[in-house]
Amino acid sequence: MKKLLAIIVLGLFLITPSQANDIRDFQIEGISIGDSALEFFSEKEIKKGKQNFYKNKKYTPVNISASFFKTYTHFDFSYKSNDKKYIIKRMSGSIDYRNKDIKNCLKQVDEVANEISEVFKDIATKIAKTENIFWDVDKTGKSKYTFIGFRFNSGNSVVVACYDFSKESNYDDNFNVEVKTKAFDNFLANEAY
């Protein structure tokens, strides 16, 4: 488990605490908010990974995989729909916990959140840990998640979570790190659905 945590932490932070000045310093597989997705993926890959789950089409979500990922099993991001450069405004990396001990996933949330607290201590505030929230996408009411959120001075945010889905939900348990700009957060809260 310690080796996995070290890999995850290295995948998240390729900087020292004294260098962490902005949400752009937070990386998932070397990718940051504000990067062009074209630096990492072809336009064909981006278009193939497009999703359609926001009623408002201001942003386009993309689910993508790549052979260069070392830590995460899944990566998704969103960009402004009319942006030809595909500048990343939200990104998320997850690690599949299917057939693994969910207690390790929950432990990982705490460990990674503690690392974020240390690296970004001057520019981010930890929001209280929220445990065992029932996940409404599962109509059986058996799926739940635990998360710790961080709000940056800029209004941007990071959430570290563990999703424990019921077998009936057809979703896979996973550890997830999500990074969002303030503008994207506002979009989700007020416009997306």
N, C-alpha and C. Protein backbone atom coordinates (compact mmCIF):
# COMPACT_ATOMS: atom_id res chain seq x y z
N MET A 1 0.83 -1.19 0.00
CA MET A 1 0.00 0.00 0.00
C MET A 1 0.87 1.26 0.00
N LYS A 2 1.96 1.24 0.77
CA LYS A 2 2.83 2.41 0.83
C LYS A 2 3.44 2.69 -0.55
N LYS A 3 3.79 1.62 -1.27
CA LYS A 3 4.35 1.82 -2.62
C LYS A 3 3.30 2.46 -3.53
N LEU A 4 2.05 1.99 -3.45
CA LEU A 4 0.98 2.56 -4.26
C LEU A 4 0.78 4.03 -3.92
N LEU A 5 0.79 4.37 -2.64
CA LEU A 5 0.63 5.77 -2.23
C LEU A 5 1.76 6.62 -2.79
N ALA A 6 2.98 6.12 -2.71
CA ALA A 6 4.12 6.88 -3.22
C ALA A 6 3.98 7.12 -4.72
N ILE A 7 3.50 6.13 -5.45
CA ILE A 7 3.29 6.28 -6.88
C ILE A 7 2.21 7.33 -7.14
N ILE A 8 1.12 7.27 -6.37
CA ILE A 8 0.03 8.22 -6.54
C ILE A 8 0.50 9.63 -6.22
N VAL A 9 1.19 9.78 -5.12
CA VAL A 9 1.67 11.11 -4.73
C VAL A 9 2.62 11.64 -5.79
N LEU A 10 3.51 10.81 -6.30
CA LEU A 10 4.40 11.26 -7.38
C LEU A 10 3.61 11.61 -8.63
N GLY A 11 2.54 10.88 -8.88
CA GLY A 11 1.70 11.19 -10.03
C GLY A 11 0.96 12.50 -9.86
N LEU A 12 0.68 12.87 -8.62
CA LEU A 12 -0.04 14.11 -8.35
C LEU A 12 0.88 15.31 -8.33
N PHE A 13 1.98 15.18 -7.67
CA PHE A 13 2.83 16.35 -7.42
C PHE A 13 4.23 16.13 -7.96
N LEU A 14 4.61 16.92 -8.92
CA LEU A 14 5.96 16.86 -9.43
C LEU A 14 6.67 18.15 -9.05
N ILE A 15 6.33 18.66 -7.87
CA ILE A 15 6.84 19.94 -7.40
C ILE A 15 7.14 19.84 -5.92
N THR A 16 7.87 20.79 -5.39
CA THR A 16 8.10 20.85 -3.95
C THR A 16 7.10 21.82 -3.34
N PRO A 17 6.81 21.70 -2.04
CA PRO A 17 5.83 22.58 -1.42
C PRO A 17 6.11 24.06 -1.64
N SER A 18 7.36 24.47 -1.69
CA SER A 18 7.66 25.89 -1.86
C SER A 18 7.30 26.38 -3.27
N GLN A 19 7.11 25.45 -4.21
CA GLN A 19 6.78 25.82 -5.58
C GLN A 19 5.27 25.90 -5.82
N ALA A 20 4.45 25.37 -4.93
CA ALA A 20 3.01 25.28 -5.14
C ALA A 20 2.35 26.63 -4.92
N ASN A 21 2.06 27.31 -6.02
CA ASN A 21 1.47 28.64 -5.93
C ASN A 21 0.07 28.72 -6.50
N ASP A 22 -0.36 27.72 -7.24
CA ASP A 22 -1.60 27.83 -7.97
C ASP A 22 -2.14 26.44 -8.28
N ILE A 23 -3.42 26.36 -8.61
CA ILE A 23 -4.04 25.09 -8.97
C ILE A 23 -3.35 24.46 -10.18
N ARG A 24 -2.73 25.28 -11.02
CA ARG A 24 -2.01 24.75 -12.20
C ARG A 24 -0.80 23.91 -11.78
N ASP A 25 -0.34 24.07 -10.54
CA ASP A 25 0.78 23.27 -10.05
C ASP A 25 0.34 21.85 -9.68
N PHE A 26 -0.96 21.62 -9.64
CA PHE A 26 -1.51 20.30 -9.34
C PHE A 26 -1.58 19.53 -10.64
N GLN A 27 -0.96 18.35 -10.66
CA GLN A 27 -0.93 17.56 -11.89
C GLN A 27 -1.51 16.18 -11.68
N ILE A 28 -2.16 15.69 -12.70
CA ILE A 28 -2.59 14.30 -12.77
C ILE A 28 -1.93 13.74 -14.03
N GLU A 29 -1.03 12.78 -13.85
CA GLU A 29 -0.29 12.18 -14.96
C GLU A 29 0.43 13.25 -15.79
N GLY A 30 0.91 14.30 -15.13
CA GLY A 30 1.65 15.36 -15.80
C GLY A 30 0.78 16.39 -16.49
N ILE A 31 -0.54 16.27 -16.33
CA ILE A 31 -1.50 17.17 -16.98
C ILE A 31 -2.04 18.14 -15.93
N SER A 32 -2.17 19.42 -16.29
CA SER A 32 -2.65 20.45 -15.36
C SER A 32 -3.84 21.20 -15.94
N ILE A 33 -4.62 21.80 -15.05
CA ILE A 33 -5.66 22.74 -15.46
C ILE A 33 -4.98 23.84 -16.27
N GLY A 34 -5.59 24.25 -17.37
CA GLY A 34 -5.01 25.29 -18.21
C GLY A 34 -4.16 24.76 -19.35
N ASP A 35 -3.81 23.47 -19.32
CA ASP A 35 -3.07 22.87 -20.43
C ASP A 35 -4.03 22.62 -21.59
N SER A 36 -3.50 22.61 -22.78
CA SER A 36 -4.27 22.18 -23.94
C SER A 36 -4.24 20.65 -23.98
N ALA A 37 -5.41 20.05 -24.12
CA ALA A 37 -5.47 18.59 -24.21
C ALA A 37 -4.71 18.09 -25.44
N LEU A 38 -4.52 18.97 -26.43
CA LEU A 38 -3.78 18.59 -27.64
C LEU A 38 -2.30 18.33 -27.37
N GLU A 39 -1.80 18.78 -26.21
CA GLU A 39 -0.42 18.48 -25.83
C GLU A 39 -0.25 17.01 -25.45
N PHE A 40 -1.36 16.33 -25.14
CA PHE A 40 -1.31 14.96 -24.63
C PHE A 40 -2.07 13.95 -25.49
N PHE A 41 -3.08 14.43 -26.20
CA PHE A 41 -3.96 13.56 -26.97
C PHE A 41 -4.18 14.14 -28.37
N SER A 42 -4.45 13.27 -29.30
CA SER A 42 -4.77 13.74 -30.66
C SER A 42 -6.21 14.26 -30.67
N GLU A 43 -6.50 15.08 -31.65
CA GLU A 43 -7.88 15.59 -31.78
C GLU A 43 -8.85 14.42 -32.01
N LYS A 44 -8.39 13.41 -32.71
CA LYS A 44 -9.22 12.22 -32.95
C LYS A 44 -9.56 11.53 -31.63
N GLU A 45 -8.57 11.37 -30.74
CA GLU A 45 -8.81 10.75 -29.43
C GLU A 45 -9.80 11.58 -28.61
N ILE A 46 -9.63 12.89 -28.64
CA ILE A 46 -10.52 13.78 -27.89
C ILE A 46 -11.95 13.65 -28.40
N LYS A 47 -12.12 13.71 -29.70
CA LYS A 47 -13.46 13.61 -30.28
C LYS A 47 -14.09 12.25 -30.01
N LYS A 48 -13.29 11.20 -30.05
CA LYS A 48 -13.79 9.84 -29.78
C LYS A 48 -14.25 9.70 -28.33
N GLY A 49 -13.58 10.43 -27.40
CA GLY A 49 -13.91 10.32 -25.98
C GLY A 49 -14.99 11.27 -25.49
N LYS A 50 -15.56 12.08 -26.39
CA LYS A 50 -16.59 13.04 -25.99
C LYS A 50 -17.77 12.35 -25.34
N GLN A 51 -18.27 12.96 -24.28
CA GLN A 51 -19.45 12.47 -23.56
C GLN A 51 -20.56 13.51 -23.72
N ASN A 52 -21.77 13.13 -23.35
CA ASN A 52 -22.90 14.04 -23.50
C ASN A 52 -23.80 13.93 -22.27
N PHE A 53 -23.37 14.48 -21.15
CA PHE A 53 -24.24 14.40 -19.98
C PHE A 53 -24.57 15.73 -19.33
N TYR A 54 -24.17 16.85 -19.93
CA TYR A 54 -24.63 18.15 -19.44
C TYR A 54 -25.75 18.63 -20.35
N LYS A 55 -26.85 19.09 -19.76
CA LYS A 55 -27.92 19.68 -20.58
C LYS A 55 -27.41 20.93 -21.28
N ASN A 56 -26.72 21.77 -20.53
CA ASN A 56 -26.12 22.98 -21.08
C ASN A 56 -24.81 22.57 -21.76
N LYS A 57 -24.62 22.96 -22.98
CA LYS A 57 -23.46 22.52 -23.77
C LYS A 57 -22.29 23.49 -23.72
N LYS A 58 -22.22 24.33 -22.70
CA LYS A 58 -21.13 25.30 -22.57
C LYS A 58 -19.77 24.60 -22.48
N TYR A 59 -19.74 23.45 -21.79
CA TYR A 59 -18.52 22.65 -21.65
C TYR A 59 -18.76 21.27 -22.25
N THR A 60 -17.68 20.67 -22.75
CA THR A 60 -17.74 19.32 -23.29
C THR A 60 -16.89 18.40 -22.42
N PRO A 61 -17.49 17.34 -21.87
CA PRO A 61 -16.73 16.35 -21.11
C PRO A 61 -16.13 15.30 -22.04
N VAL A 62 -14.94 14.81 -21.68
CA VAL A 62 -14.23 13.81 -22.47
C VAL A 62 -13.68 12.75 -21.52
N ASN A 63 -13.90 11.49 -21.85
CA ASN A 63 -13.34 10.37 -21.11
C ASN A 63 -12.32 9.72 -22.03
N ILE A 64 -11.11 9.55 -21.51
CA ILE A 64 -10.02 9.13 -22.40
C ILE A 64 -9.05 8.23 -21.65
N SER A 65 -8.37 7.38 -22.37
CA SER A 65 -7.30 6.58 -21.78
C SER A 65 -6.07 6.73 -22.66
N ALA A 66 -4.93 6.52 -22.06
CA ALA A 66 -3.68 6.66 -22.82
C ALA A 66 -2.65 5.69 -22.29
N SER A 67 -1.78 5.26 -23.17
CA SER A 67 -0.77 4.28 -22.79
C SER A 67 0.28 4.86 -21.85
N PHE A 68 0.43 6.19 -21.79
CA PHE A 68 1.47 6.77 -20.94
C PHE A 68 1.05 6.91 -19.48
N PHE A 69 -0.21 6.63 -19.15
CA PHE A 69 -0.63 6.74 -17.75
C PHE A 69 0.10 5.71 -16.90
N LYS A 70 0.63 6.15 -15.79
CA LYS A 70 1.37 5.26 -14.90
C LYS A 70 0.60 4.93 -13.63
N THR A 71 -0.22 5.87 -13.18
CA THR A 71 -0.90 5.71 -11.90
C THR A 71 -2.39 5.46 -12.06
N TYR A 72 -3.02 6.25 -12.89
CA TYR A 72 -4.48 6.21 -12.99
C TYR A 72 -4.95 5.28 -14.09
N THR A 73 -6.10 4.64 -13.85
CA THR A 73 -6.68 3.75 -14.84
C THR A 73 -7.66 4.48 -15.75
N HIS A 74 -8.18 5.62 -15.30
CA HIS A 74 -9.12 6.42 -16.09
C HIS A 74 -8.78 7.90 -15.94
N PHE A 75 -9.02 8.66 -16.99
CA PHE A 75 -8.81 10.11 -16.96
C PHE A 75 -9.93 10.77 -17.76
N ASP A 76 -10.51 11.80 -17.20
CA ASP A 76 -11.47 12.56 -17.97
C ASP A 76 -11.27 14.05 -17.71
N PHE A 77 -11.75 14.85 -18.64
CA PHE A 77 -11.59 16.29 -18.52
C PHE A 77 -12.74 16.98 -19.24
N SER A 78 -12.86 18.28 -19.00
CA SER A 78 -13.85 19.10 -19.69
C SER A 78 -13.17 20.36 -20.21
N TYR A 79 -13.67 20.83 -21.34
CA TYR A 79 -13.16 22.06 -21.94
C TYR A 79 -14.37 22.86 -22.44
N LYS A 80 -14.17 24.16 -22.67
CA LYS A 80 -15.25 24.98 -23.23
C LYS A 80 -15.54 24.48 -24.64
N SER A 81 -16.80 24.23 -24.92
CA SER A 81 -17.20 23.58 -26.17
C SER A 81 -16.73 24.28 -27.43
N ASN A 82 -16.60 25.58 -27.41
CA ASN A 82 -16.17 26.31 -28.61
C ASN A 82 -14.66 26.53 -28.68
N ASP A 83 -13.90 25.93 -27.77
CA ASP A 83 -12.46 26.13 -27.70
C ASP A 83 -11.72 25.12 -28.59
N LYS A 84 -11.13 25.60 -29.65
CA LYS A 84 -10.40 24.75 -30.60
C LYS A 84 -9.05 24.26 -30.05
N LYS A 85 -8.59 24.88 -28.94
CA LYS A 85 -7.34 24.45 -28.32
C LYS A 85 -7.59 23.41 -27.23
N TYR A 86 -8.84 23.17 -26.88
CA TYR A 86 -9.22 22.18 -25.87
C TYR A 86 -8.52 22.44 -24.53
N ILE A 87 -8.57 23.67 -24.05
CA ILE A 87 -7.95 24.02 -22.77
C ILE A 87 -8.73 23.35 -21.63
N ILE A 88 -8.03 22.62 -20.79
CA ILE A 88 -8.65 21.84 -19.72
C ILE A 88 -9.12 22.75 -18.59
N LYS A 89 -10.41 22.67 -18.26
CA LYS A 89 -11.02 23.47 -17.20
C LYS A 89 -11.40 22.60 -16.00
N ARG A 90 -11.48 21.31 -16.22
CA ARG A 90 -11.76 20.33 -15.16
C ARG A 90 -11.10 19.03 -15.57
N MET A 91 -10.51 18.34 -14.61
CA MET A 91 -9.91 17.04 -14.91
C MET A 91 -10.06 16.12 -13.71
N SER A 92 -10.03 14.84 -14.01
CA SER A 92 -10.23 13.84 -12.97
C SER A 92 -9.44 12.59 -13.34
N GLY A 93 -8.75 12.04 -12.36
CA GLY A 93 -8.06 10.77 -12.53
C GLY A 93 -8.62 9.78 -11.53
N SER A 94 -8.80 8.54 -11.95
CA SER A 94 -9.32 7.54 -11.00
C SER A 94 -8.54 6.24 -11.12
N ILE A 95 -8.54 5.53 -10.02
CA ILE A 95 -7.90 4.22 -9.94
C ILE A 95 -8.98 3.20 -9.63
N ASP A 96 -9.05 2.18 -10.44
CA ASP A 96 -10.06 1.14 -10.31
C ASP A 96 -9.84 0.35 -9.02
N TYR A 97 -10.88 0.26 -8.20
CA TYR A 97 -10.82 -0.54 -6.98
C TYR A 97 -11.74 -1.75 -7.07
N ARG A 98 -12.14 -2.14 -8.26
CA ARG A 98 -12.96 -3.32 -8.44
C ARG A 98 -12.19 -4.52 -7.91
N ASN A 99 -12.83 -5.33 -7.12
CA ASN A 99 -12.23 -6.54 -6.55
C ASN A 99 -11.06 -6.24 -5.61
N LYS A 100 -11.01 -5.04 -5.03
CA LYS A 100 -9.98 -4.69 -4.06
C LYS A 100 -10.65 -4.28 -2.76
N ASP A 101 -9.87 -4.25 -1.70
CA ASP A 101 -10.38 -3.87 -0.39
C ASP A 101 -10.70 -2.38 -0.35
N ILE A 102 -11.95 -2.05 -0.18
CA ILE A 102 -12.39 -0.66 -0.19
C ILE A 102 -11.79 0.12 0.98
N LYS A 103 -11.39 -0.58 2.04
CA LYS A 103 -10.75 0.10 3.18
C LYS A 103 -9.44 0.77 2.75
N ASN A 104 -8.72 0.14 1.83
CA ASN A 104 -7.49 0.76 1.31
C ASN A 104 -7.79 2.01 0.52
N CYS A 105 -8.90 2.01 -0.21
CA CYS A 105 -9.32 3.20 -0.95
C CYS A 105 -9.62 4.34 0.02
N LEU A 106 -10.34 4.04 1.08
CA LEU A 106 -10.67 5.07 2.08
C LEU A 106 -9.41 5.60 2.77
N LYS A 107 -8.47 4.70 3.03
CA LYS A 107 -7.20 5.11 3.62
C LYS A 107 -6.43 6.02 2.66
N GLN A 108 -6.49 5.69 1.39
CA GLN A 108 -5.81 6.47 0.37
C GLN A 108 -6.36 7.90 0.30
N VAL A 109 -7.67 8.06 0.49
CA VAL A 109 -8.27 9.39 0.51
C VAL A 109 -7.60 10.23 1.59
N ASP A 110 -7.49 9.68 2.80
CA ASP A 110 -6.87 10.42 3.90
C ASP A 110 -5.41 10.74 3.62
N GLU A 111 -4.67 9.77 3.11
CA GLU A 111 -3.24 9.97 2.88
C GLU A 111 -2.98 11.02 1.79
N VAL A 112 -3.72 10.94 0.69
CA VAL A 112 -3.52 11.91 -0.38
C VAL A 112 -4.01 13.29 0.05
N ALA A 113 -5.12 13.35 0.79
CA ALA A 113 -5.61 14.64 1.30
C ALA A 113 -4.58 15.28 2.23
N ASN A 114 -3.94 14.48 3.06
CA ASN A 114 -2.90 15.02 3.94
C ASN A 114 -1.73 15.58 3.13
N GLU A 115 -1.37 14.91 2.05
CA GLU A 115 -0.30 15.38 1.19
C GLU A 115 -0.69 16.70 0.51
N ILE A 116 -1.93 16.78 0.04
CA ILE A 116 -2.41 18.02 -0.57
C ILE A 116 -2.38 19.16 0.45
N SER A 117 -2.81 18.87 1.67
CA SER A 117 -2.80 19.88 2.73
C SER A 117 -1.41 20.43 2.96
N GLU A 118 -0.42 19.56 2.89
CA GLU A 118 0.96 19.99 3.12
C GLU A 118 1.51 20.79 1.94
N VAL A 119 1.33 20.27 0.73
CA VAL A 119 1.90 20.90 -0.45
C VAL A 119 1.25 22.25 -0.74
N PHE A 120 -0.06 22.35 -0.53
CA PHE A 120 -0.80 23.56 -0.88
C PHE A 120 -1.28 24.33 0.35
N LYS A 121 -0.58 24.17 1.47
CA LYS A 121 -1.06 24.75 2.73
C LYS A 121 -1.23 26.26 2.71
N ASP A 122 -0.46 26.98 1.91
CA ASP A 122 -0.56 28.44 1.88
C ASP A 122 -1.64 28.96 0.95
N ILE A 123 -2.17 28.11 0.08
CA ILE A 123 -3.14 28.61 -0.90
C ILE A 123 -4.45 27.83 -0.94
N ALA A 124 -4.61 26.82 -0.07
CA ALA A 124 -5.83 26.02 -0.10
C ALA A 124 -6.34 25.75 1.31
N THR A 125 -7.65 25.70 1.44
CA THR A 125 -8.30 25.40 2.71
C THR A 125 -8.99 24.05 2.59
N LYS A 126 -8.73 23.18 3.55
CA LYS A 126 -9.36 21.87 3.55
C LYS A 126 -10.80 22.00 4.03
N ILE A 127 -11.71 21.43 3.26
CA ILE A 127 -13.11 21.37 3.66
C ILE A 127 -13.29 20.08 4.45
N ALA A 128 -14.15 20.08 5.41
CA ALA A 128 -14.32 18.92 6.29
C ALA A 128 -14.55 17.63 5.50
N LYS A 129 -14.05 16.54 6.04
CA LYS A 129 -14.24 15.22 5.44
C LYS A 129 -15.70 14.84 5.55
N THR A 130 -16.25 14.30 4.47
CA THR A 130 -17.64 13.85 4.46
C THR A 130 -17.63 12.37 4.14
N GLU A 131 -18.19 11.57 5.04
CA GLU A 131 -18.11 10.12 4.91
C GLU A 131 -19.46 9.47 4.67
N ASN A 132 -19.42 8.37 3.93
CA ASN A 132 -20.57 7.50 3.71
C ASN A 132 -21.82 8.23 3.22
N ILE A 133 -21.65 9.08 2.24
CA ILE A 133 -22.77 9.76 1.61
C ILE A 133 -23.38 8.79 0.60
N PHE A 134 -24.69 8.65 0.63
CA PHE A 134 -25.31 7.74 -0.32
C PHE A 134 -25.37 8.39 -1.69
N TRP A 135 -24.98 7.63 -2.70
CA TRP A 135 -24.81 8.12 -4.07
C TRP A 135 -26.11 7.91 -4.83
N ASP A 136 -26.74 9.00 -5.24
CA ASP A 136 -28.07 8.92 -5.84
C ASP A 136 -28.12 8.37 -7.26
N VAL A 137 -26.97 8.16 -7.91
CA VAL A 137 -27.00 7.53 -9.24
C VAL A 137 -27.36 6.05 -9.14
N ASP A 138 -27.24 5.49 -7.95
CA ASP A 138 -27.62 4.09 -7.72
C ASP A 138 -29.03 4.08 -7.11
N LYS A 139 -29.99 3.64 -7.88
CA LYS A 139 -31.39 3.64 -7.44
C LYS A 139 -31.66 2.67 -6.29
N THR A 140 -30.72 1.73 -6.02
CA THR A 140 -30.92 0.80 -4.90
C THR A 140 -30.63 1.49 -3.57
N GLY A 141 -29.91 2.62 -3.62
CA GLY A 141 -29.58 3.33 -2.38
C GLY A 141 -28.44 2.68 -1.60
N LYS A 142 -27.73 1.73 -2.20
CA LYS A 142 -26.67 1.02 -1.49
C LYS A 142 -25.27 1.58 -1.75
N SER A 143 -25.11 2.40 -2.77
CA SER A 143 -23.79 2.95 -3.11
C SER A 143 -23.50 4.18 -2.25
N LYS A 144 -22.23 4.34 -1.88
CA LYS A 144 -21.86 5.49 -1.06
C LYS A 144 -20.46 5.95 -1.41
N TYR A 145 -20.14 7.14 -0.95
CA TYR A 145 -18.81 7.67 -1.19
C TYR A 145 -18.35 8.52 -0.02
N THR A 146 -17.04 8.69 0.05
CA THR A 146 -16.39 9.50 1.06
C THR A 146 -15.47 10.47 0.33
N PHE A 147 -15.47 11.74 0.75
CA PHE A 147 -14.60 12.69 0.06
C PHE A 147 -14.05 13.75 1.01
N ILE A 148 -12.95 14.33 0.58
CA ILE A 148 -12.35 15.49 1.23
C ILE A 148 -12.11 16.51 0.13
N GLY A 149 -12.61 17.71 0.34
CA GLY A 149 -12.46 18.76 -0.65
C GLY A 149 -11.53 19.86 -0.18
N PHE A 150 -10.98 20.56 -1.14
CA PHE A 150 -10.09 21.70 -0.88
C PHE A 150 -10.55 22.87 -1.73
N ARG A 151 -10.63 24.03 -1.13
CA ARG A 151 -10.94 25.26 -1.86
C ARG A 151 -9.70 26.12 -1.86
N PHE A 152 -9.25 26.50 -3.05
CA PHE A 152 -8.06 27.34 -3.19
C PHE A 152 -8.43 28.81 -3.06
N ASN A 153 -7.48 29.63 -2.70
CA ASN A 153 -7.71 31.07 -2.56
C ASN A 153 -8.31 31.66 -3.83
N SER A 154 -7.98 31.10 -4.96
CA SER A 154 -8.47 31.56 -6.26
C SER A 154 -9.92 31.17 -6.52
N GLY A 155 -10.48 30.27 -5.69
CA GLY A 155 -11.83 29.76 -5.91
C GLY A 155 -11.84 28.42 -6.62
N ASN A 156 -10.71 27.98 -7.13
CA ASN A 156 -10.60 26.67 -7.76
C ASN A 156 -10.70 25.59 -6.68
N SER A 157 -10.89 24.34 -7.07
CA SER A 157 -11.07 23.30 -6.06
C SER A 157 -10.46 21.96 -6.48
N VAL A 158 -10.21 21.14 -5.45
CA VAL A 158 -9.75 19.77 -5.63
C VAL A 158 -10.58 18.90 -4.69
N VAL A 159 -11.00 17.75 -5.17
CA VAL A 159 -11.74 16.79 -4.36
C VAL A 159 -11.06 15.44 -4.48
N VAL A 160 -10.82 14.80 -3.35
CA VAL A 160 -10.26 13.45 -3.30
C VAL A 160 -11.38 12.56 -2.75
N ALA A 161 -11.70 11.47 -3.44
CA ALA A 161 -12.86 10.67 -3.04
C ALA A 161 -12.64 9.18 -3.26
N CYS A 162 -13.42 8.41 -2.52
CA CYS A 162 -13.51 6.97 -2.70
C CYS A 162 -14.97 6.63 -2.93
N TYR A 163 -15.26 5.95 -4.05
CA TYR A 163 -16.62 5.57 -4.40
C TYR A 163 -16.78 4.07 -4.18
N ASP A 164 -17.75 3.71 -3.35
CA ASP A 164 -18.04 2.32 -3.01
C ASP A 164 -19.43 1.99 -3.56
N PHE A 165 -19.46 1.46 -4.80
CA PHE A 165 -20.73 1.21 -5.47
C PHE A 165 -21.26 -0.18 -5.14
N SER A 166 -22.58 -0.30 -5.12
CA SER A 166 -23.21 -1.61 -4.93
C SER A 166 -23.03 -2.43 -6.20
N LYS A 167 -23.13 -3.74 -6.06
CA LYS A 167 -23.01 -4.62 -7.22
C LYS A 167 -24.13 -4.34 -8.24
N GLU A 168 -25.30 -3.97 -7.73
CA GLU A 168 -26.45 -3.72 -8.61
C GLU A 168 -26.29 -2.45 -9.46
N SER A 169 -25.42 -1.56 -9.07
CA SER A 169 -25.30 -0.28 -9.76
C SER A 169 -24.59 -0.39 -11.12
N ASN A 170 -23.80 -1.45 -11.30
CA ASN A 170 -23.00 -1.64 -12.52
C ASN A 170 -21.88 -0.62 -12.66
N TYR A 171 -21.51 0.07 -11.58
CA TYR A 171 -20.36 0.97 -11.56
C TYR A 171 -19.24 0.28 -10.79
N ASP A 172 -18.00 0.66 -11.08
CA ASP A 172 -16.86 0.07 -10.39
C ASP A 172 -16.39 0.97 -9.25
N ASP A 173 -16.04 0.36 -8.12
CA ASP A 173 -15.45 1.11 -7.01
C ASP A 173 -14.20 1.80 -7.52
N ASN A 174 -13.94 3.02 -7.02
CA ASN A 174 -12.74 3.70 -7.46
C ASN A 174 -12.30 4.80 -6.51
N PHE A 175 -11.01 5.07 -6.56
CA PHE A 175 -10.39 6.22 -5.91
C PHE A 175 -10.31 7.30 -6.98
N ASN A 176 -10.63 8.55 -6.61
CA ASN A 176 -10.72 9.61 -7.61
C ASN A 176 -10.16 10.92 -7.08
N VAL A 177 -9.45 11.63 -7.96
CA VAL A 177 -8.98 12.98 -7.67
C VAL A 177 -9.53 13.87 -8.78
N GLU A 178 -10.26 14.93 -8.40
CA GLU A 178 -10.85 15.84 -9.38
C GLU A 178 -10.38 17.26 -9.11
N VAL A 179 -10.01 17.97 -10.17
CA VAL A 179 -9.52 19.35 -10.09
C VAL A 179 -10.42 20.20 -10.97
N LYS A 180 -10.94 21.33 -10.43
CA LYS A 180 -11.87 22.16 -11.18
C LYS A 180 -11.53 23.64 -11.02
N THR A 181 -11.73 24.39 -12.10
CA THR A 181 -11.62 25.83 -12.00
C THR A 181 -12.87 26.37 -11.31
N LYS A 182 -12.78 27.58 -10.80
CA LYS A 182 -13.92 28.24 -10.17
C LYS A 182 -15.06 28.38 -11.17
N ALA A 183 -14.74 28.76 -12.41
CA ALA A 183 -15.77 28.93 -13.44
C ALA A 183 -16.49 27.62 -13.72
N PHE A 184 -15.75 26.51 -13.75
CA PHE A 184 -16.38 25.22 -14.01
C PHE A 184 -17.25 24.81 -12.83
N ASP A 185 -16.77 25.04 -11.61
CA ASP A 185 -17.57 24.77 -10.41
C ASP A 185 -18.90 25.51 -10.47
N ASN A 186 -18.85 26.80 -10.86
CA ASN A 186 -20.07 27.60 -10.98
C ASN A 186 -20.99 27.03 -12.06
N PHE A 187 -20.41 26.59 -13.15
CA PHE A 187 -21.19 25.96 -14.22
C PHE A 187 -21.93 24.73 -13.69
N LEU A 188 -21.22 23.86 -12.96
CA LEU A 188 -21.86 22.66 -12.41
C LEU A 188 -22.98 23.01 -11.45
N ALA A 189 -22.75 24.00 -10.61
CA ALA A 189 -23.74 24.36 -9.59
C ALA A 189 -24.97 25.06 -10.18
N ASN A 190 -24.77 25.83 -11.25
CA ASN A 190 -25.85 26.71 -11.70
C ASN A 190 -26.36 26.51 -13.12
N GLU A 191 -25.60 25.82 -13.97
CA GLU A 191 -25.99 25.78 -15.39
C GLU A 191 -26.03 24.38 -16.00
N ALA A 192 -25.23 23.47 -15.54
CA ALA A 192 -25.02 22.19 -16.23
C ALA A 192 -26.28 21.38 -16.44
N TYR A 193 -27.12 21.32 -15.42
CA TYR A 193 -28.29 20.43 -15.50
C TYR A 193 -29.58 21.21 -15.48
